[in-house]
Amino acid sequence: MPSIRVRENDSFENALKKFKKQCEKEGILSEIKKREHYDKPSVKKKKKAIAARKKAMKRVKMSVR
């Protein structure tokens, strides 16, 4: 859990900016996006296989040039 210390002379905007930076540094937003939708293991495997095929085709195209 990110936490920041707010001084008496800090504005709300400044504190919010610090909090957002701390969240970004800890990777909280990326974790939320990753967990937003649940994929079954079979779907994950299928997506991984499709990505591997695309990557292999891209390598073949690059080597032909």
PDB file of N, CA and C in Angstrom:
ATOM      1  N   MET A   1       0.842  -1.183   0.000  1.00  0.00           N
ATOM      2  CA  MET A   1       0.000   0.000   0.000  1.00  0.00           C
ATOM      3  C   MET A   1       0.881   1.239   0.000  1.00  0.00           C
ATOM      4  N   PRO A   2       0.733   2.077  -1.001  1.00  0.00           N
ATOM      5  CA  PRO A   2       1.557   3.283  -1.050  1.00  0.00           C
ATOM      6  C   PRO A   2       1.113   4.298  -0.003  1.00  0.00           C
ATOM      7  N   SER A   3       2.075   4.963   0.576  1.00  0.00           N
ATOM      8  CA  SER A   3       1.743   6.019   1.529  1.00  0.00           C
ATOM      9  C   SER A   3       2.715   7.166   1.328  1.00  0.00           C
ATOM     10  N   ILE A   4       2.230   8.351   1.560  1.00  0.00           N
ATOM     11  CA  ILE A   4       3.069   9.535   1.432  1.00  0.00           C
ATOM     12  C   ILE A   4       2.887  10.390   2.675  1.00  0.00           C
ATOM     13  N   ARG A   5       3.870  11.188   2.947  1.00  0.00           N
ATOM     14  CA  ARG A   5       3.778  12.126   4.059  1.00  0.00           C
ATOM     15  C   ARG A   5       3.483  13.507   3.492  1.00  0.00           C
ATOM     16  N   VAL A   6       2.439  14.108   4.010  1.00  0.00           N
ATOM     17  CA  VAL A   6       2.037  15.425   3.549  1.00  0.00           C
ATOM     18  C   VAL A   6       2.451  16.450   4.603  1.00  0.00           C
ATOM     19  N   ARG A   7       3.198  17.424   4.173  1.00  0.00           N
ATOM     20  CA  ARG A   7       3.615  18.484   5.078  1.00  0.00           C
ATOM     21  C   ARG A   7       2.516  19.534   5.172  1.00  0.00           C
ATOM     22  N   GLU A   8       2.634  20.399   6.145  1.00  0.00           N
ATOM     23  CA  GLU A   8       1.606  21.428   6.341  1.00  0.00           C
ATOM     24  C   GLU A   8       1.517  22.386   5.161  1.00  0.00           C
ATOM     25  N   ASN A   9       2.644  22.676   4.535  1.00  0.00           N
ATOM     26  CA  ASN A   9       2.628  23.659   3.450  1.00  0.00           C
ATOM     27  C   ASN A   9       2.395  23.035   2.076  1.00  0.00           C
ATOM     28  N   ASP A  10       2.202  21.723   1.988  1.00  0.00           N
ATOM     29  CA  ASP A  10       1.927  21.067   0.705  1.00  0.00           C
ATOM     30  C   ASP A  10       0.462  21.252   0.324  1.00  0.00           C
ATOM     31  N   SER A  11       0.235  21.486  -0.969  1.00  0.00           N
ATOM     32  CA  SER A  11      -1.140  21.610  -1.455  1.00  0.00           C
ATOM     33  C   SER A  11      -1.705  20.223  -1.742  1.00  0.00           C
ATOM     34  N   PHE A  12      -3.013  20.163  -1.914  1.00  0.00           N
ATOM     35  CA  PHE A  12      -3.675  18.902  -2.215  1.00  0.00           C
ATOM     36  C   PHE A  12      -3.188  18.351  -3.549  1.00  0.00           C
ATOM     37  N   GLU A  13      -3.038  19.236  -4.530  1.00  0.00           N
ATOM     38  CA  GLU A  13      -2.592  18.810  -5.856  1.00  0.00           C
ATOM     39  C   GLU A  13      -1.199  18.198  -5.788  1.00  0.00           C
ATOM     40  N   ASN A  14      -0.334  18.803  -4.988  1.00  0.00           N
ATOM     41  CA  ASN A  14       1.019  18.296  -4.837  1.00  0.00           C
ATOM     42  C   ASN A  14       1.010  16.915  -4.169  1.00  0.00           C
ATOM     43  N   ALA A  15       0.179  16.757  -3.152  1.00  0.00           N
ATOM     44  CA  ALA A  15       0.077  15.477  -2.455  1.00  0.00           C
ATOM     45  C   ALA A  15      -0.475  14.402  -3.391  1.00  0.00           C
ATOM     46  N   LEU A  16      -1.472  14.762  -4.186  1.00  0.00           N
ATOM     47  CA  LEU A  16      -2.057  13.813  -5.138  1.00  0.00           C
ATOM     48  C   LEU A  16      -1.030  13.393  -6.177  1.00  0.00           C
ATOM     49  N   LYS A  17      -0.224  14.349  -6.637  1.00  0.00           N
ATOM     50  CA  LYS A  17       0.831  14.072  -7.605  1.00  0.00           C
ATOM     51  C   LYS A  17       1.844  13.083  -7.022  1.00  0.00           C
ATOM     52  N   LYS A  18       2.236  13.284  -5.774  1.00  0.00           N
ATOM     53  CA  LYS A  18       3.168  12.378  -5.105  1.00  0.00           C
ATOM     54  C   LYS A  18       2.564  10.978  -4.974  1.00  0.00           C
ATOM     55  N   PHE A  19       1.271  10.924  -4.615  1.00  0.00           N
ATOM     56  CA  PHE A  19       0.597   9.634  -4.453  1.00  0.00           C
ATOM     57  C   PHE A  19       0.542   8.875  -5.771  1.00  0.00           C
ATOM     58  N   LYS A  20       0.195   9.561  -6.844  1.00  0.00           N
ATOM     59  CA  LYS A  20       0.129   8.919  -8.164  1.00  0.00           C
ATOM     60  C   LYS A  20       1.497   8.393  -8.577  1.00  0.00           C
ATOM     61  N   LYS A  21       2.537   9.178  -8.320  1.00  0.00           N
ATOM     62  CA  LYS A  21       3.892   8.768  -8.661  1.00  0.00           C
ATOM     63  C   LYS A  21       4.281   7.517  -7.874  1.00  0.00           C
ATOM     64  N   GLN A  22       3.907   7.475  -6.598  1.00  0.00           N
ATOM     65  CA  GLN A  22       4.206   6.322  -5.751  1.00  0.00           C
ATOM     66  C   GLN A  22       3.463   5.073  -6.259  1.00  0.00           C
ATOM     67  N   CYS A  23       2.208   5.243  -6.653  1.00  0.00           N
ATOM     68  CA  CYS A  23       1.429   4.117  -7.195  1.00  0.00           C
ATOM     69  C   CYS A  23       2.060   3.601  -8.480  1.00  0.00           C
ATOM     70  N   GLU A  24       2.494   4.506  -9.333  1.00  0.00           N
ATOM     71  CA  GLU A  24       3.124   4.112 -10.588  1.00  0.00           C
ATOM     72  C   GLU A  24       4.428   3.366 -10.329  1.00  0.00           C
ATOM     73  N   LYS A  25       5.190   3.830  -9.358  1.00  0.00           N
ATOM     74  CA  LYS A  25       6.470   3.208  -9.044  1.00  0.00           C
ATOM     75  C   LYS A  25       6.276   1.781  -8.535  1.00  0.00           C
ATOM     76  N   GLU A  26       5.219   1.554  -7.761  1.00  0.00           N
ATOM     77  CA  GLU A  26       4.968   0.225  -7.213  1.00  0.00           C
ATOM     78  C   GLU A  26       4.234  -0.686  -8.194  1.00  0.00           C
ATOM     79  N   GLY A  27       3.796  -0.172  -9.341  1.00  0.00           N
ATOM     80  CA  GLY A  27       3.161  -0.993 -10.365  1.00  0.00           C
ATOM     81  C   GLY A  27       1.736  -1.380 -10.053  1.00  0.00           C
ATOM     82  N   ILE A  28       1.049  -0.574  -9.285  1.00  0.00           N
ATOM     83  CA  ILE A  28      -0.316  -0.910  -8.875  1.00  0.00           C
ATOM     84  C   ILE A  28      -1.282  -0.823 -10.051  1.00  0.00           C
ATOM     85  N   LEU A  29      -1.165   0.221 -10.873  1.00  0.00           N
ATOM     86  CA  LEU A  29      -2.100   0.376 -11.991  1.00  0.00           C
ATOM     87  C   LEU A  29      -1.962  -0.748 -13.008  1.00  0.00           C
ATOM     88  N   SER A  30      -0.734  -1.153 -13.299  1.00  0.00           N
ATOM     89  CA  SER A  30      -0.552  -2.243 -14.255  1.00  0.00           C
ATOM     90  C   SER A  30      -1.113  -3.550 -13.702  1.00  0.00           C
ATOM     91  N   GLU A  31      -0.993  -3.754 -12.403  1.00  0.00           N
ATOM     92  CA  GLU A  31      -1.542  -4.951 -11.767  1.00  0.00           C
ATOM     93  C   GLU A  31      -3.066  -4.941 -11.837  1.00  0.00           C
ATOM     94  N   ILE A  32      -3.666  -3.789 -11.632  1.00  0.00           N
ATOM     95  CA  ILE A  32      -5.132  -3.672 -11.707  1.00  0.00           C
ATOM     96  C   ILE A  32      -5.610  -3.992 -13.117  1.00  0.00           C
ATOM     97  N   LYS A  33      -4.925  -3.435 -14.112  1.00  0.00           N
ATOM     98  CA  LYS A  33      -5.320  -3.695 -15.493  1.00  0.00           C
ATOM     99  C   LYS A  33      -5.171  -5.170 -15.843  1.00  0.00           C
ATOM    100  N   LYS A  34      -4.121  -5.801 -15.308  1.00  0.00           N
ATOM    101  CA  LYS A  34      -3.891  -7.212 -15.589  1.00  0.00           C
ATOM    102  C   LYS A  34      -4.985  -8.083 -14.974  1.00  0.00           C
ATOM    103  N   ARG A  35      -5.465  -7.705 -13.797  1.00  0.00           N
ATOM    104  CA  ARG A  35      -6.467  -8.505 -13.096  1.00  0.00           C
ATOM    105  C   ARG A  35      -7.905  -8.088 -13.395  1.00  0.00           C
ATOM    106  N   GLU A  36      -8.078  -7.132 -14.280  1.00  0.00           N
ATOM    107  CA  GLU A  36      -9.405  -6.608 -14.560  1.00  0.00           C
ATOM    108  C   GLU A  36     -10.340  -7.685 -15.124  1.00  0.00           C
ATOM    109  N   HIS A  37      -9.830  -8.510 -16.013  1.00  0.00           N
ATOM    110  CA  HIS A  37     -10.632  -9.578 -16.613  1.00  0.00           C
ATOM    111  C   HIS A  37      -9.943 -10.905 -16.354  1.00  0.00           C
ATOM    112  N   TYR A  38     -10.721 -11.912 -15.998  1.00  0.00           N
ATOM    113  CA  TYR A  38     -10.166 -13.229 -15.741  1.00  0.00           C
ATOM    114  C   TYR A  38     -10.171 -14.037 -17.030  1.00  0.00           C
ATOM    115  N   ASP A  39      -9.033 -14.596 -17.365  1.00  0.00           N
ATOM    116  CA  ASP A  39      -8.930 -15.494 -18.512  1.00  0.00           C
ATOM    117  C   ASP A  39      -8.711 -16.907 -17.997  1.00  0.00           C
ATOM    118  N   LYS A  40      -9.481 -17.839 -18.536  1.00  0.00           N
ATOM    119  CA  LYS A  40      -9.282 -19.229 -18.152  1.00  0.00           C
ATOM    120  C   LYS A  40      -7.912 -19.685 -18.636  1.00  0.00           C
ATOM    121  N   PRO A  41      -7.333 -20.689 -17.976  1.00  0.00           N
ATOM    122  CA  PRO A  41      -6.014 -21.169 -18.403  1.00  0.00           C
ATOM    123  C   PRO A  41      -5.973 -21.598 -19.863  1.00  0.00           C
ATOM    124  N   SER A  42      -7.058 -22.183 -20.364  1.00  0.00           N
ATOM    125  CA  SER A  42      -7.066 -22.610 -21.766  1.00  0.00           C
ATOM    126  C   SER A  42      -7.015 -21.400 -22.701  1.00  0.00           C
ATOM    127  N   VAL A  43      -7.674 -20.325 -22.320  1.00  0.00           N
ATOM    128  CA  VAL A  43      -7.663 -19.109 -23.134  1.00  0.00           C
ATOM    129  C   VAL A  43      -6.278 -18.486 -23.108  1.00  0.00           C
ATOM    130  N   LYS A  44      -5.641 -18.481 -21.942  1.00  0.00           N
ATOM    131  CA  LYS A  44      -4.289 -17.946 -21.837  1.00  0.00           C
ATOM    132  C   LYS A  44      -3.332 -18.714 -22.732  1.00  0.00           C
ATOM    133  N   LYS A  45      -3.461 -20.042 -22.725  1.00  0.00           N
ATOM    134  CA  LYS A  45      -2.586 -20.896 -23.531  1.00  0.00           C
ATOM    135  C   LYS A  45      -2.795 -20.609 -25.015  1.00  0.00           C
ATOM    136  N   LYS A  46      -4.063 -20.440 -25.411  1.00  0.00           N
ATOM    137  CA  LYS A  46      -4.383 -20.172 -26.806  1.00  0.00           C
ATOM    138  C   LYS A  46      -3.807 -18.821 -27.244  1.00  0.00           C
ATOM    139  N   LYS A  47      -3.937 -17.791 -26.385  1.00  0.00           N
ATOM    140  CA  LYS A  47      -3.390 -16.476 -26.714  1.00  0.00           C
ATOM    141  C   LYS A  47      -1.870 -16.529 -26.824  1.00  0.00           C
ATOM    142  N   LYS A  48      -1.245 -17.302 -25.944  1.00  0.00           N
ATOM    143  CA  LYS A  48       0.209 -17.428 -25.960  1.00  0.00           C
ATOM    144  C   LYS A  48       0.671 -18.101 -27.257  1.00  0.00           C
ATOM    145  N   ALA A  49      -0.052 -19.128 -27.690  1.00  0.00           N
ATOM    146  CA  ALA A  49       0.296 -19.830 -28.923  1.00  0.00           C
ATOM    147  C   ALA A  49       0.136 -18.910 -30.133  1.00  0.00           C
ATOM    148  N   ILE A  50      -0.922 -18.124 -30.152  1.00  0.00           N
ATOM    149  CA  ILE A  50      -1.152 -17.193 -31.265  1.00  0.00           C
ATOM    150  C   ILE A  50      -0.043 -16.144 -31.304  1.00  0.00           C
ATOM    151  N   ALA A  51       0.340 -15.639 -30.141  1.00  0.00           N
ATOM    152  CA  ALA A  51       1.415 -14.639 -30.077  1.00  0.00           C
ATOM    153  C   ALA A  51       2.733 -15.237 -30.562  1.00  0.00           C
ATOM    154  N   ALA A  52       2.990 -16.498 -30.215  1.00  0.00           N
ATOM    155  CA  ALA A  52       4.224 -17.152 -30.653  1.00  0.00           C
ATOM    156  C   ALA A  52       4.232 -17.312 -32.171  1.00  0.00           C
ATOM    157  N   ARG A  53       3.079 -17.678 -32.740  1.00  0.00           N
ATOM    158  CA  ARG A  53       2.991 -17.815 -34.187  1.00  0.00           C
ATOM    159  C   ARG A  53       3.242 -16.478 -34.887  1.00  0.00           C
ATOM    160  N   LYS A  54       2.629 -15.418 -34.357  1.00  0.00           N
ATOM    161  CA  LYS A  54       2.825 -14.091 -34.944  1.00  0.00           C
ATOM    162  C   LYS A  54       4.291 -13.681 -34.883  1.00  0.00           C
ATOM    163  N   LYS A  55       4.924 -13.942 -33.740  1.00  0.00           N
ATOM    164  CA  LYS A  55       6.329 -13.586 -33.571  1.00  0.00           C
ATOM    165  C   LYS A  55       7.207 -14.363 -34.548  1.00  0.00           C
ATOM    166  N   ALA A  56       6.911 -15.651 -34.739  1.00  0.00           N
ATOM    167  CA  ALA A  56       7.677 -16.475 -35.667  1.00  0.00           C
ATOM    168  C   ALA A  56       7.506 -15.975 -37.099  1.00  0.00           C
ATOM    169  N   MET A  57       6.288 -15.607 -37.463  1.00  0.00           N
ATOM    170  CA  MET A  57       6.045 -15.092 -38.817  1.00  0.00           C
ATOM    171  C   MET A  57       6.772 -13.774 -39.030  1.00  0.00           C
ATOM    172  N   LYS A  58       6.820 -12.957 -38.000  1.00  0.00           N
ATOM    173  CA  LYS A  58       7.527 -11.683 -38.106  1.00  0.00           C
ATOM    174  C   LYS A  58       9.021 -11.914 -38.311  1.00  0.00           C
ATOM    175  N   ARG A  59       9.580 -12.893 -37.605  1.00  0.00           N
ATOM    176  CA  ARG A  59      10.997 -13.229 -37.779  1.00  0.00           C
ATOM    177  C   ARG A  59      11.276 -13.706 -39.191  1.00  0.00           C
ATOM    178  N   VAL A  60      10.379 -14.548 -39.738  1.00  0.00           N
ATOM    179  CA  VAL A  60      10.550 -15.056 -41.098  1.00  0.00           C
ATOM    180  C   VAL A  60      10.523 -13.907 -42.099  1.00  0.00           C
ATOM    181  N   LYS A  61       9.581 -12.992 -41.925  1.00  0.00           N
ATOM    182  CA  LYS A  61       9.486 -11.855 -42.837  1.00  0.00           C
ATOM    183  C   LYS A  61      10.730 -10.980 -42.769  1.00  0.00           C
ATOM    184  N   MET A  62      11.260 -10.793 -41.560  1.00  0.00           N
ATOM    185  CA  MET A  62      12.450  -9.958 -41.390  1.00  0.00           C
ATOM    186  C   MET A  62      13.690 -10.621 -41.993  1.00  0.00           C
ATOM    187  N   SER A  63      13.782 -11.941 -41.893  1.00  0.00           N
ATOM    188  CA  SER A  63      14.962 -12.643 -42.415  1.00  0.00           C
ATOM    189  C   SER A  63      14.943 -12.716 -43.935  1.00  0.00           C
ATOM    190  N   VAL A  64      13.779 -12.653 -44.558  1.00  0.00           N
ATOM    191  CA  VAL A  64      13.663 -12.715 -46.013  1.00  0.00           C
ATOM    192  C   VAL A  64      14.189 -11.431 -46.633  1.00  0.00           C
ATOM    193  N   ARG A  65      14.007 -10.326 -45.973  1.00  0.00           N
ATOM    194  CA  ARG A  65      14.436  -9.039 -46.527  1.00  0.00           C
ATOM    195  C   ARG A  65      15.875  -8.973 -46.587  1.00  0.00           C
TER     196      ARG A  65
END
